Amino acid sequence: MAKNMQPVAKRCKALGISPAAMGYAKKTTERNSANQMRKKKSEYALQLQEKQKVKFVYGIMEKQFRMYYEKAARMPGKTGEELLVLIERRLDNVAYRLGFAATRRQARQLVSHGHFTVNGKRVNIPSYLLKAGDVVEVRDASRQSPIFKRLTGEDAPMILVPQWLEKEKSEPLKGKVSRLPVREDINDMPIEEHLIVELYSK
């Protein structure tokens, strides 16, 4: 499986996004920023950058991203919004949103290693698309792992779960998709999805 091995902070700086969108709260992109005067970007460059931004944040390669776009184009509604909603429904992203992993990259690895179940069945496909009503849970065999033990008990970190997901305090290693996300739910980074649609429409 192809991986993007670029340094996170460097890539965030190039794409104009905060490392916090990647789950890296302590990283910075301020180095050497004071004297950087960049020329105005062309329309194509802006469209390409927007696509690269979404691909990088969610950890998706070009072939799969194109597949999402084509699927979104066939759906009723605005193509750009449907594209983002499709990507947001990925199992690795939901695991990250529920706080089961510190970053999407870590969530993707945990899913690939089979640490999660969906509706009681083990799923190891990061791109698995969840539906309303689906229940995501850490497998019993994985609960003693240090990665997941830190999520239970009095010292467990506070997680801000999106409104389209549910997570009970009594079940810190279990979450539910209460409804499908909408565009307004995806607000942790600025995305101009219409630029992506314009790029692929050429």
N, C-alpha and C. Protein backbone atom coordinates (compact mmCIF):
# COMPACT_ATOMS: atom_id res chain seq x y z
N MET A 1 0.85 -1.20 0.00
CA MET A 1 0.00 0.00 0.00
C MET A 1 0.88 1.24 0.00
N ALA A 2 0.58 2.17 -0.89
CA ALA A 2 1.37 3.39 -0.99
C ALA A 2 1.18 4.26 0.24
N LYS A 3 2.26 4.93 0.64
CA LYS A 3 2.20 5.80 1.80
C LYS A 3 2.82 7.15 1.47
N ASN A 4 2.30 8.19 2.07
CA ASN A 4 2.88 9.52 1.95
C ASN A 4 3.82 9.72 3.12
N MET A 5 5.12 9.74 2.87
CA MET A 5 6.12 9.79 3.93
C MET A 5 6.68 11.19 4.14
N GLN A 6 6.05 12.21 3.54
CA GLN A 6 6.55 13.58 3.69
C GLN A 6 6.41 14.05 5.13
N PRO A 7 7.36 14.86 5.63
CA PRO A 7 7.23 15.42 6.98
C PRO A 7 5.93 16.20 7.11
N VAL A 8 5.22 15.96 8.19
CA VAL A 8 3.89 16.56 8.36
C VAL A 8 3.94 18.08 8.38
N ALA A 9 4.81 18.65 9.23
CA ALA A 9 4.85 20.10 9.37
C ALA A 9 5.23 20.78 8.05
N LYS A 10 6.18 20.20 7.34
CA LYS A 10 6.62 20.78 6.07
C LYS A 10 5.50 20.75 5.04
N ARG A 11 4.79 19.62 4.98
CA ARG A 11 3.70 19.49 4.02
C ARG A 11 2.53 20.41 4.38
N CYS A 12 2.25 20.54 5.67
CA CYS A 12 1.18 21.45 6.11
C CYS A 12 1.49 22.89 5.71
N LYS A 13 2.75 23.27 5.87
CA LYS A 13 3.14 24.63 5.50
C LYS A 13 2.97 24.87 4.01
N ALA A 14 3.32 23.89 3.20
CA ALA A 14 3.21 24.03 1.75
C ALA A 14 1.75 24.14 1.32
N LEU A 15 0.85 23.47 2.05
CA LEU A 15 -0.56 23.46 1.68
C LEU A 15 -1.36 24.53 2.41
N GLY A 16 -0.71 25.24 3.32
CA GLY A 16 -1.39 26.33 4.03
C GLY A 16 -2.41 25.87 5.05
N ILE A 17 -2.15 24.75 5.72
CA ILE A 17 -3.08 24.26 6.73
C ILE A 17 -2.36 24.11 8.07
N SER A 18 -3.13 24.09 9.14
CA SER A 18 -2.56 23.93 10.47
C SER A 18 -2.29 22.45 10.75
N PRO A 19 -1.16 22.13 11.37
CA PRO A 19 -0.89 20.73 11.74
C PRO A 19 -1.95 20.17 12.67
N ALA A 20 -2.72 21.03 13.34
CA ALA A 20 -3.78 20.57 14.22
C ALA A 20 -4.84 19.78 13.45
N ALA A 21 -5.01 20.11 12.16
CA ALA A 21 -5.97 19.37 11.34
C ALA A 21 -5.53 17.94 11.12
N MET A 22 -4.24 17.69 11.32
CA MET A 22 -3.69 16.35 11.18
C MET A 22 -3.60 15.64 12.52
N GLY A 23 -3.95 16.35 13.59
CA GLY A 23 -3.86 15.76 14.92
C GLY A 23 -2.53 16.02 15.60
N TYR A 24 -1.68 16.88 15.00
CA TYR A 24 -0.37 17.19 15.56
C TYR A 24 -0.41 18.57 16.19
N ALA A 25 -0.86 18.64 17.42
CA ALA A 25 -1.05 19.93 18.08
C ALA A 25 0.26 20.62 18.42
N LYS A 26 1.36 19.87 18.58
CA LYS A 26 2.61 20.47 19.03
C LYS A 26 3.55 20.84 17.89
N LYS A 27 3.19 20.48 16.68
CA LYS A 27 4.06 20.81 15.56
C LYS A 27 3.82 22.25 15.14
N THR A 28 4.80 22.83 14.46
CA THR A 28 4.67 24.21 14.02
C THR A 28 5.10 24.34 12.57
N THR A 29 4.55 25.34 11.89
CA THR A 29 4.93 25.60 10.51
C THR A 29 5.44 27.03 10.35
N GLU A 30 5.87 27.63 11.45
CA GLU A 30 6.25 29.04 11.43
C GLU A 30 7.70 29.28 10.99
N ARG A 31 8.48 28.23 10.91
CA ARG A 31 9.90 28.40 10.60
C ARG A 31 10.12 29.07 9.24
N ASN A 32 10.94 30.12 9.25
CA ASN A 32 11.31 30.84 8.03
C ASN A 32 10.11 31.43 7.28
N SER A 33 9.04 31.73 8.02
CA SER A 33 7.84 32.22 7.34
C SER A 33 7.85 33.73 7.14
N ALA A 34 8.68 34.47 7.88
CA ALA A 34 8.61 35.92 7.86
C ALA A 34 9.01 36.52 6.52
N ASN A 35 10.00 35.94 5.87
CA ASN A 35 10.52 36.55 4.66
C ASN A 35 10.08 35.86 3.38
N GLN A 36 9.05 35.04 3.47
CA GLN A 36 8.62 34.31 2.28
C GLN A 36 7.56 35.10 1.54
N MET A 37 7.95 35.67 0.40
CA MET A 37 7.02 36.40 -0.45
C MET A 37 6.75 35.54 -1.68
N ARG A 38 5.54 35.03 -1.76
CA ARG A 38 5.22 34.15 -2.87
C ARG A 38 4.36 34.88 -3.89
N LYS A 39 4.59 34.59 -5.15
CA LYS A 39 3.80 35.22 -6.20
C LYS A 39 2.38 34.65 -6.21
N LYS A 40 1.48 35.39 -6.79
CA LYS A 40 0.09 34.97 -6.85
C LYS A 40 -0.04 33.68 -7.65
N LYS A 41 -0.81 32.75 -7.12
CA LYS A 41 -0.96 31.45 -7.78
C LYS A 41 -2.01 31.51 -8.87
N SER A 42 -1.81 30.67 -9.87
CA SER A 42 -2.77 30.59 -10.97
C SER A 42 -4.03 29.86 -10.50
N GLU A 43 -5.08 29.94 -11.29
CA GLU A 43 -6.34 29.26 -10.95
C GLU A 43 -6.11 27.76 -10.83
N TYR A 44 -5.34 27.20 -11.77
CA TYR A 44 -5.06 25.76 -11.72
C TYR A 44 -4.28 25.39 -10.47
N ALA A 45 -3.31 26.22 -10.09
CA ALA A 45 -2.50 25.94 -8.90
C ALA A 45 -3.36 25.94 -7.64
N LEU A 46 -4.32 26.85 -7.56
CA LEU A 46 -5.22 26.90 -6.41
C LEU A 46 -6.10 25.66 -6.35
N GLN A 47 -6.60 25.24 -7.52
CA GLN A 47 -7.43 24.04 -7.57
C GLN A 47 -6.64 22.80 -7.18
N LEU A 48 -5.43 22.71 -7.70
CA LEU A 48 -4.58 21.56 -7.40
C LEU A 48 -4.22 21.52 -5.92
N GLN A 49 -3.90 22.68 -5.35
CA GLN A 49 -3.54 22.73 -3.94
C GLN A 49 -4.70 22.29 -3.05
N GLU A 50 -5.91 22.67 -3.42
CA GLU A 50 -7.07 22.29 -2.61
C GLU A 50 -7.26 20.77 -2.63
N LYS A 51 -7.07 20.18 -3.80
CA LYS A 51 -7.18 18.72 -3.89
C LYS A 51 -6.08 18.05 -3.07
N GLN A 52 -4.84 18.55 -3.19
CA GLN A 52 -3.72 17.97 -2.47
C GLN A 52 -3.91 18.11 -0.96
N LYS A 53 -4.53 19.20 -0.54
CA LYS A 53 -4.78 19.44 0.88
C LYS A 53 -5.69 18.34 1.45
N VAL A 54 -6.81 18.10 0.78
CA VAL A 54 -7.77 17.09 1.26
C VAL A 54 -7.15 15.70 1.23
N LYS A 55 -6.43 15.39 0.15
CA LYS A 55 -5.77 14.08 0.05
C LYS A 55 -4.78 13.87 1.19
N PHE A 56 -4.03 14.91 1.50
CA PHE A 56 -2.99 14.80 2.53
C PHE A 56 -3.61 14.66 3.92
N VAL A 57 -4.60 15.48 4.22
CA VAL A 57 -5.22 15.44 5.55
C VAL A 57 -5.85 14.07 5.83
N TYR A 58 -6.53 13.52 4.84
CA TYR A 58 -7.21 12.24 5.04
C TYR A 58 -6.35 11.03 4.68
N GLY A 59 -5.17 11.28 4.13
CA GLY A 59 -4.27 10.17 3.81
C GLY A 59 -4.74 9.31 2.65
N ILE A 60 -5.22 9.95 1.59
CA ILE A 60 -5.77 9.22 0.45
C ILE A 60 -4.90 9.44 -0.78
N MET A 61 -4.65 8.38 -1.52
CA MET A 61 -3.85 8.48 -2.74
C MET A 61 -4.74 8.86 -3.93
N GLU A 62 -4.13 9.26 -5.03
CA GLU A 62 -4.85 9.84 -6.16
C GLU A 62 -5.92 8.91 -6.75
N LYS A 63 -5.58 7.64 -6.97
CA LYS A 63 -6.53 6.72 -7.60
C LYS A 63 -7.81 6.59 -6.79
N GLN A 64 -7.66 6.45 -5.48
CA GLN A 64 -8.82 6.30 -4.61
C GLN A 64 -9.61 7.61 -4.51
N PHE A 65 -8.87 8.72 -4.47
CA PHE A 65 -9.54 10.02 -4.40
C PHE A 65 -10.38 10.26 -5.64
N ARG A 66 -9.87 9.88 -6.80
CA ARG A 66 -10.61 10.01 -8.06
C ARG A 66 -11.87 9.16 -8.02
N MET A 67 -11.76 7.98 -7.42
CA MET A 67 -12.92 7.10 -7.30
C MET A 67 -14.00 7.74 -6.44
N TYR A 68 -13.58 8.40 -5.34
CA TYR A 68 -14.55 9.09 -4.49
C TYR A 68 -15.23 10.22 -5.27
N TYR A 69 -14.45 10.94 -6.05
CA TYR A 69 -15.02 12.05 -6.82
C TYR A 69 -16.07 11.54 -7.81
N GLU A 70 -15.74 10.48 -8.53
CA GLU A 70 -16.67 9.94 -9.52
C GLU A 70 -17.94 9.42 -8.86
N LYS A 71 -17.79 8.84 -7.68
CA LYS A 71 -18.97 8.37 -6.95
C LYS A 71 -19.82 9.55 -6.48
N ALA A 72 -19.17 10.61 -5.99
CA ALA A 72 -19.87 11.80 -5.54
C ALA A 72 -20.60 12.48 -6.69
N ALA A 73 -19.99 12.45 -7.89
CA ALA A 73 -20.59 13.09 -9.06
C ALA A 73 -21.89 12.41 -9.47
N ARG A 74 -22.04 11.13 -9.14
CA ARG A 74 -23.25 10.39 -9.48
C ARG A 74 -24.34 10.54 -8.42
N MET A 75 -24.00 11.13 -7.30
CA MET A 75 -24.96 11.28 -6.20
C MET A 75 -25.75 12.57 -6.34
N PRO A 76 -27.00 12.57 -5.84
CA PRO A 76 -27.77 13.84 -5.86
C PRO A 76 -27.15 14.83 -4.89
N GLY A 77 -27.29 16.09 -5.18
CA GLY A 77 -26.68 17.10 -4.32
C GLY A 77 -25.42 17.66 -4.95
N LYS A 78 -24.74 18.53 -4.22
CA LYS A 78 -23.52 19.17 -4.71
C LYS A 78 -22.36 18.18 -4.67
N THR A 79 -21.66 18.04 -5.78
CA THR A 79 -20.59 17.05 -5.88
C THR A 79 -19.50 17.27 -4.85
N GLY A 80 -19.09 18.52 -4.65
CA GLY A 80 -18.01 18.80 -3.70
C GLY A 80 -18.38 18.41 -2.29
N GLU A 81 -19.60 18.72 -1.88
CA GLU A 81 -20.04 18.39 -0.54
C GLU A 81 -20.17 16.88 -0.36
N GLU A 82 -20.72 16.21 -1.37
CA GLU A 82 -20.85 14.75 -1.30
C GLU A 82 -19.49 14.08 -1.25
N LEU A 83 -18.50 14.66 -1.92
CA LEU A 83 -17.15 14.13 -1.89
C LEU A 83 -16.58 14.15 -0.48
N LEU A 84 -16.72 15.28 0.19
CA LEU A 84 -16.20 15.41 1.55
C LEU A 84 -16.94 14.49 2.52
N VAL A 85 -18.24 14.35 2.34
CA VAL A 85 -19.02 13.47 3.21
C VAL A 85 -18.60 12.02 3.03
N LEU A 86 -18.36 11.61 1.80
CA LEU A 86 -17.89 10.24 1.54
C LEU A 86 -16.58 9.96 2.27
N ILE A 87 -15.64 10.89 2.14
CA ILE A 87 -14.33 10.72 2.76
C ILE A 87 -14.44 10.71 4.28
N GLU A 88 -15.33 11.54 4.80
CA GLU A 88 -15.51 11.63 6.25
C GLU A 88 -16.06 10.33 6.83
N ARG A 89 -16.75 9.55 6.02
CA ARG A 89 -17.37 8.30 6.47
C ARG A 89 -16.39 7.12 6.51
N ARG A 90 -15.16 7.32 6.09
CA ARG A 90 -14.17 6.24 6.13
C ARG A 90 -13.96 5.76 7.57
N LEU A 91 -13.72 4.46 7.72
CA LEU A 91 -13.54 3.89 9.05
C LEU A 91 -12.35 4.49 9.77
N ASP A 92 -11.23 4.70 9.06
CA ASP A 92 -10.06 5.26 9.74
C ASP A 92 -10.34 6.68 10.25
N ASN A 93 -11.11 7.46 9.47
CA ASN A 93 -11.45 8.82 9.91
C ASN A 93 -12.39 8.78 11.11
N VAL A 94 -13.37 7.88 11.09
CA VAL A 94 -14.31 7.78 12.20
C VAL A 94 -13.59 7.34 13.47
N ALA A 95 -12.66 6.41 13.34
CA ALA A 95 -11.87 5.97 14.51
C ALA A 95 -11.10 7.16 15.09
N TYR A 96 -10.57 8.01 14.21
CA TYR A 96 -9.86 9.21 14.66
C TYR A 96 -10.83 10.20 15.31
N ARG A 97 -11.97 10.42 14.69
CA ARG A 97 -12.96 11.36 15.23
C ARG A 97 -13.48 10.92 16.60
N LEU A 98 -13.56 9.61 16.81
CA LEU A 98 -14.04 9.09 18.09
C LEU A 98 -12.96 9.11 19.17
N GLY A 99 -11.73 9.47 18.77
CA GLY A 99 -10.65 9.58 19.73
C GLY A 99 -9.92 8.28 19.98
N PHE A 100 -10.13 7.26 19.14
CA PHE A 100 -9.45 5.99 19.31
C PHE A 100 -8.00 6.05 18.85
N ALA A 101 -7.64 7.11 18.15
CA ALA A 101 -6.27 7.30 17.67
C ALA A 101 -5.93 8.78 17.73
N ALA A 102 -4.66 9.10 17.91
CA ALA A 102 -4.23 10.49 18.03
C ALA A 102 -4.22 11.21 16.69
N THR A 103 -4.00 10.47 15.61
CA THR A 103 -3.96 11.04 14.27
C THR A 103 -4.67 10.10 13.31
N ARG A 104 -5.02 10.60 12.13
CA ARG A 104 -5.63 9.73 11.12
C ARG A 104 -4.63 8.69 10.64
N ARG A 105 -3.37 9.05 10.59
CA ARG A 105 -2.34 8.10 10.17
C ARG A 105 -2.29 6.92 11.13
N GLN A 106 -2.33 7.22 12.43
CA GLN A 106 -2.34 6.14 13.42
C GLN A 106 -3.63 5.33 13.33
N ALA A 107 -4.75 6.00 13.11
CA ALA A 107 -6.03 5.30 12.99
C ALA A 107 -6.01 4.34 11.81
N ARG A 108 -5.43 4.78 10.70
CA ARG A 108 -5.35 3.93 9.51
C ARG A 108 -4.54 2.66 9.81
N GLN A 109 -3.45 2.83 10.55
CA GLN A 109 -2.62 1.69 10.90
C GLN A 109 -3.36 0.74 11.85
N LEU A 110 -4.06 1.30 12.83
CA LEU A 110 -4.80 0.47 13.78
C LEU A 110 -5.92 -0.32 13.10
N VAL A 111 -6.60 0.33 12.14
CA VAL A 111 -7.64 -0.38 11.39
C VAL A 111 -7.03 -1.50 10.58
N SER A 112 -5.92 -1.22 9.91
CA SER A 112 -5.25 -2.23 9.08
C SER A 112 -4.80 -3.44 9.89
N HIS A 113 -4.48 -3.21 11.17
CA HIS A 113 -4.03 -4.30 12.04
C HIS A 113 -5.21 -5.03 12.70
N GLY A 114 -6.42 -4.64 12.35
CA GLY A 114 -7.60 -5.37 12.80
C GLY A 114 -8.01 -5.13 14.23
N HIS A 115 -7.82 -3.92 14.74
CA HIS A 115 -8.16 -3.63 16.14
C HIS A 115 -9.62 -3.23 16.35
N PHE A 116 -10.39 -3.07 15.25
CA PHE A 116 -11.76 -2.58 15.39
C PHE A 116 -12.78 -3.55 14.80
N THR A 117 -13.99 -3.45 15.34
CA THR A 117 -15.13 -4.17 14.77
C THR A 117 -16.18 -3.15 14.36
N VAL A 118 -16.96 -3.51 13.35
CA VAL A 118 -18.10 -2.71 12.92
C VAL A 118 -19.32 -3.61 13.02
N ASN A 119 -20.24 -3.22 13.89
CA ASN A 119 -21.42 -4.04 14.15
C ASN A 119 -21.05 -5.46 14.57
N GLY A 120 -19.97 -5.56 15.34
CA GLY A 120 -19.55 -6.84 15.88
C GLY A 120 -18.64 -7.66 14.99
N LYS A 121 -18.40 -7.20 13.76
CA LYS A 121 -17.54 -7.95 12.83
C LYS A 121 -16.22 -7.21 12.63
N ARG A 122 -15.14 -7.96 12.66
CA ARG A 122 -13.82 -7.37 12.50
C ARG A 122 -13.64 -6.80 11.10
N VAL A 123 -13.19 -5.56 11.02
CA VAL A 123 -12.95 -4.90 9.73
C VAL A 123 -11.54 -4.32 9.74
N ASN A 124 -10.76 -4.65 8.72
CA ASN A 124 -9.38 -4.15 8.65
C ASN A 124 -9.13 -3.34 7.38
N ILE A 125 -10.19 -2.72 6.86
CA ILE A 125 -10.09 -1.91 5.64
C ILE A 125 -10.30 -0.44 6.02
N PRO A 126 -9.25 0.37 6.01
CA PRO A 126 -9.38 1.79 6.41
C PRO A 126 -10.42 2.57 5.61
N SER A 127 -10.60 2.22 4.33
CA SER A 127 -11.53 2.96 3.47
C SER A 127 -12.97 2.47 3.59
N TYR A 128 -13.23 1.53 4.47
CA TYR A 128 -14.59 1.01 4.66
C TYR A 128 -15.53 2.16 4.99
N LEU A 129 -16.62 2.30 4.23
CA LEU A 129 -17.55 3.41 4.42
C LEU A 129 -18.66 3.03 5.40
N LEU A 130 -18.77 3.81 6.45
CA LEU A 130 -19.76 3.55 7.48
C LEU A 130 -21.11 4.18 7.13
N LYS A 131 -22.17 3.57 7.66
CA LYS A 131 -23.53 4.05 7.43
C LYS A 131 -24.13 4.49 8.76
N ALA A 132 -25.24 5.22 8.69
CA ALA A 132 -25.95 5.61 9.91
C ALA A 132 -26.38 4.37 10.67
N GLY A 133 -26.13 4.35 11.96
CA GLY A 133 -26.48 3.20 12.78
C GLY A 133 -25.35 2.24 13.03
N ASP A 134 -24.26 2.35 12.26
CA ASP A 134 -23.11 1.45 12.45
C ASP A 134 -22.43 1.72 13.79
N VAL A 135 -22.01 0.64 14.44
CA VAL A 135 -21.33 0.74 15.73
C VAL A 135 -19.88 0.32 15.56
N VAL A 136 -18.97 1.20 15.95
CA VAL A 136 -17.53 0.95 15.87
C VAL A 136 -17.01 0.71 17.28
N GLU A 137 -16.25 -0.37 17.45
CA GLU A 137 -15.78 -0.73 18.78
C GLU A 137 -14.38 -1.33 18.72
N VAL A 138 -13.59 -1.06 19.75
CA VAL A 138 -12.27 -1.69 19.85
C VAL A 138 -12.47 -3.16 20.24
N ARG A 139 -11.80 -4.05 19.55
CA ARG A 139 -11.94 -5.48 19.82
C ARG A 139 -11.51 -5.81 21.25
N ASP A 140 -12.16 -6.81 21.84
CA ASP A 140 -11.83 -7.23 23.20
C ASP A 140 -10.36 -7.59 23.33
N ALA A 141 -9.82 -8.25 22.29
CA ALA A 141 -8.43 -8.70 22.34
C ALA A 141 -7.45 -7.54 22.30
N SER A 142 -7.90 -6.36 21.89
CA SER A 142 -7.01 -5.21 21.75
C SER A 142 -7.11 -4.22 22.91
N ARG A 143 -8.06 -4.42 23.81
CA ARG A 143 -8.34 -3.42 24.84
C ARG A 143 -7.24 -3.27 25.88
N GLN A 144 -6.39 -4.26 26.01
CA GLN A 144 -5.30 -4.17 26.99
C GLN A 144 -4.05 -3.52 26.40
N SER A 145 -4.10 -3.19 25.12
CA SER A 145 -2.98 -2.51 24.48
C SER A 145 -2.82 -1.12 25.09
N PRO A 146 -1.58 -0.67 25.33
CA PRO A 146 -1.36 0.68 25.91
C PRO A 146 -2.04 1.78 25.12
N ILE A 147 -2.17 1.61 23.81
CA ILE A 147 -2.80 2.63 22.97
C ILE A 147 -4.24 2.87 23.40
N PHE A 148 -4.94 1.78 23.75
CA PHE A 148 -6.35 1.90 24.10
C PHE A 148 -6.58 2.01 25.60
N LYS A 149 -5.68 1.48 26.41
CA LYS A 149 -5.85 1.58 27.86
C LYS A 149 -5.81 3.03 28.33
N ARG A 150 -5.08 3.88 27.59
CA ARG A 150 -5.00 5.29 27.97
C ARG A 150 -6.33 6.01 27.79
N LEU A 151 -7.27 5.39 27.05
CA LEU A 151 -8.56 6.02 26.78
C LEU A 151 -9.60 5.70 27.86
N THR A 152 -9.22 4.87 28.82
CA THR A 152 -10.15 4.50 29.88
C THR A 152 -9.63 4.98 31.23
N GLY A 153 -10.49 5.03 32.20
CA GLY A 153 -10.07 5.44 33.54
C GLY A 153 -10.19 6.94 33.76
N GLU A 154 -9.78 7.37 34.92
CA GLU A 154 -9.93 8.78 35.31
C GLU A 154 -9.02 9.72 34.52
N ASP A 155 -7.89 9.21 34.06
CA ASP A 155 -6.94 10.06 33.34
C ASP A 155 -7.16 10.07 31.83
N ALA A 156 -8.26 9.51 31.38
CA ALA A 156 -8.54 9.45 29.94
C ALA A 156 -8.67 10.86 29.37
N PRO A 157 -8.11 11.12 28.19
CA PRO A 157 -8.20 12.46 27.60
C PRO A 157 -9.63 12.80 27.20
N MET A 158 -9.95 14.09 27.24
CA MET A 158 -11.27 14.55 26.82
C MET A 158 -11.30 14.65 25.29
N ILE A 159 -12.29 14.05 24.69
CA ILE A 159 -12.41 14.03 23.24
C ILE A 159 -13.68 14.78 22.83
N LEU A 160 -13.52 15.73 21.90
CA LEU A 160 -14.67 16.45 21.37
C LEU A 160 -15.18 15.68 20.14
N VAL A 161 -16.26 14.95 20.33
CA VAL A 161 -16.80 14.09 19.28
C VAL A 161 -17.78 14.88 18.42
N PRO A 162 -17.69 14.79 17.09
CA PRO A 162 -18.63 15.50 16.21
C PRO A 162 -20.08 15.11 16.50
N GLN A 163 -21.00 15.98 16.13
CA GLN A 163 -22.41 15.75 16.42
C GLN A 163 -23.00 14.55 15.71
N TRP A 164 -22.40 14.13 14.60
CA TRP A 164 -22.95 12.99 13.88
C TRP A 164 -22.49 11.65 14.43
N LEU A 165 -21.65 11.70 15.47
CA LEU A 165 -21.18 10.48 16.13
C LEU A 165 -21.62 10.50 17.59
N GLU A 166 -21.76 9.31 18.16
CA GLU A 166 -22.14 9.18 19.56
C GLU A 166 -21.09 8.34 20.30
N LYS A 167 -20.84 8.72 21.54
CA LYS A 167 -19.90 7.98 22.37
C LYS A 167 -20.30 8.14 23.83
N GLU A 168 -20.63 7.05 24.47
CA GLU A 168 -21.05 7.09 25.86
C GLU A 168 -19.85 7.07 26.79
N LYS A 169 -19.96 7.80 27.91
CA LYS A 169 -18.87 7.82 28.88
C LYS A 169 -18.60 6.45 29.47
N SER A 170 -19.67 5.65 29.61
CA SER A 170 -19.52 4.32 30.18
C SER A 170 -18.90 3.33 29.20
N GLU A 171 -18.85 3.73 27.92
CA GLU A 171 -18.27 2.86 26.89
C GLU A 171 -17.22 3.66 26.09
N PRO A 172 -16.07 3.98 26.69
CA PRO A 172 -15.08 4.83 26.01
C PRO A 172 -14.45 4.20 24.77
N LEU A 173 -14.58 2.89 24.61
CA LEU A 173 -13.98 2.22 23.45
C LEU A 173 -15.05 1.77 22.46
N LYS A 174 -16.15 2.48 22.46
CA LYS A 174 -17.26 2.15 21.58
C LYS A 174 -17.92 3.43 21.09
N GLY A 175 -18.27 3.48 19.83
CA GLY A 175 -18.93 4.65 19.27
C GLY A 175 -19.94 4.25 18.22
N LYS A 176 -20.82 5.18 17.89
CA LYS A 176 -21.88 4.90 16.93
C LYS A 176 -22.04 6.06 15.96
N VAL A 177 -22.34 5.72 14.71
CA VAL A 177 -22.66 6.73 13.70
C VAL A 177 -24.16 7.01 13.84
N SER A 178 -24.50 8.09 14.51
CA SER A 178 -25.91 8.39 14.76
C SER A 178 -26.62 8.89 13.50
N ARG A 179 -25.89 9.54 12.64
CA ARG A 179 -26.41 10.01 11.35
C ARG A 179 -25.24 10.24 10.41
N LEU A 180 -25.52 10.37 9.13
CA LEU A 180 -24.46 10.68 8.19
C LEU A 180 -24.03 12.13 8.37
N PRO A 181 -22.75 12.41 8.19
CA PRO A 181 -22.29 13.80 8.34
C PRO A 181 -22.81 14.66 7.20
N VAL A 182 -22.90 15.95 7.48
CA VAL A 182 -23.24 16.93 6.44
C VAL A 182 -22.07 17.91 6.34
N ARG A 183 -22.10 18.76 5.33
CA ARG A 183 -20.98 19.67 5.09
C ARG A 183 -20.66 20.52 6.30
N GLU A 184 -21.67 20.96 7.04
CA GLU A 184 -21.43 21.82 8.19
C GLU A 184 -20.66 21.11 9.31
N ASP A 185 -20.67 19.79 9.30
CA ASP A 185 -19.95 19.03 10.33
C ASP A 185 -18.44 19.00 10.08
N ILE A 186 -18.03 19.29 8.86
CA ILE A 186 -16.61 19.21 8.49
C ILE A 186 -16.04 20.62 8.53
N ASN A 187 -15.67 21.06 9.72
CA ASN A 187 -15.29 22.46 9.89
C ASN A 187 -13.98 22.65 10.65
N ASP A 188 -13.17 21.58 10.72
CA ASP A 188 -11.91 21.71 11.47
C ASP A 188 -10.78 22.26 10.61
N MET A 189 -11.03 22.47 9.33
CA MET A 189 -10.04 23.12 8.46
C MET A 189 -10.78 23.75 7.29
N PRO A 190 -10.24 24.85 6.73
CA PRO A 190 -10.90 25.49 5.59
C PRO A 190 -10.73 24.68 4.31
N ILE A 191 -11.83 24.31 3.68
CA ILE A 191 -11.79 23.56 2.42
C ILE A 191 -12.73 24.24 1.42
N GLU A 192 -12.21 24.54 0.26
CA GLU A 192 -13.03 25.09 -0.82
C GLU A 192 -13.23 23.98 -1.84
N GLU A 193 -14.20 23.14 -1.56
CA GLU A 193 -14.40 21.93 -2.37
C GLU A 193 -14.79 22.23 -3.81
N HIS A 194 -15.35 23.43 -4.06
CA HIS A 194 -15.73 23.77 -5.43
C HIS A 194 -14.49 23.84 -6.34
N LEU A 195 -13.33 24.15 -5.76
CA LEU A 195 -12.09 24.18 -6.57
C LEU A 195 -11.71 22.78 -7.03
N ILE A 196 -11.96 21.78 -6.18
CA ILE A 196 -11.66 20.39 -6.55
C ILE A 196 -12.58 19.96 -7.68
N VAL A 197 -13.85 20.33 -7.59
CA VAL A 197 -14.81 19.98 -8.63
C VAL A 197 -14.42 20.63 -9.95
N GLU A 198 -14.01 21.89 -9.88
CA GLU A 198 -13.58 22.60 -11.09
C GLU A 198 -12.36 21.93 -11.71
N LEU A 199 -11.46 21.44 -10.88
CA LEU A 199 -10.24 20.78 -11.38
C LEU A 199 -10.59 19.49 -12.13
N TYR A 200 -11.45 18.68 -11.56
CA TYR A 200 -11.80 17.42 -12.18
C TYR A 200 -12.78 17.59 -13.35
N SER A 201 -13.43 18.73 -13.41
CA SER A 201 -14.42 18.96 -14.48
C SER A 201 -13.78 19.39 -15.79
N LYS A 202 -12.50 19.67 -15.76
CA LYS A 202 -11.83 20.16 -16.97
C LYS A 202 -11.67 19.05 -18.00
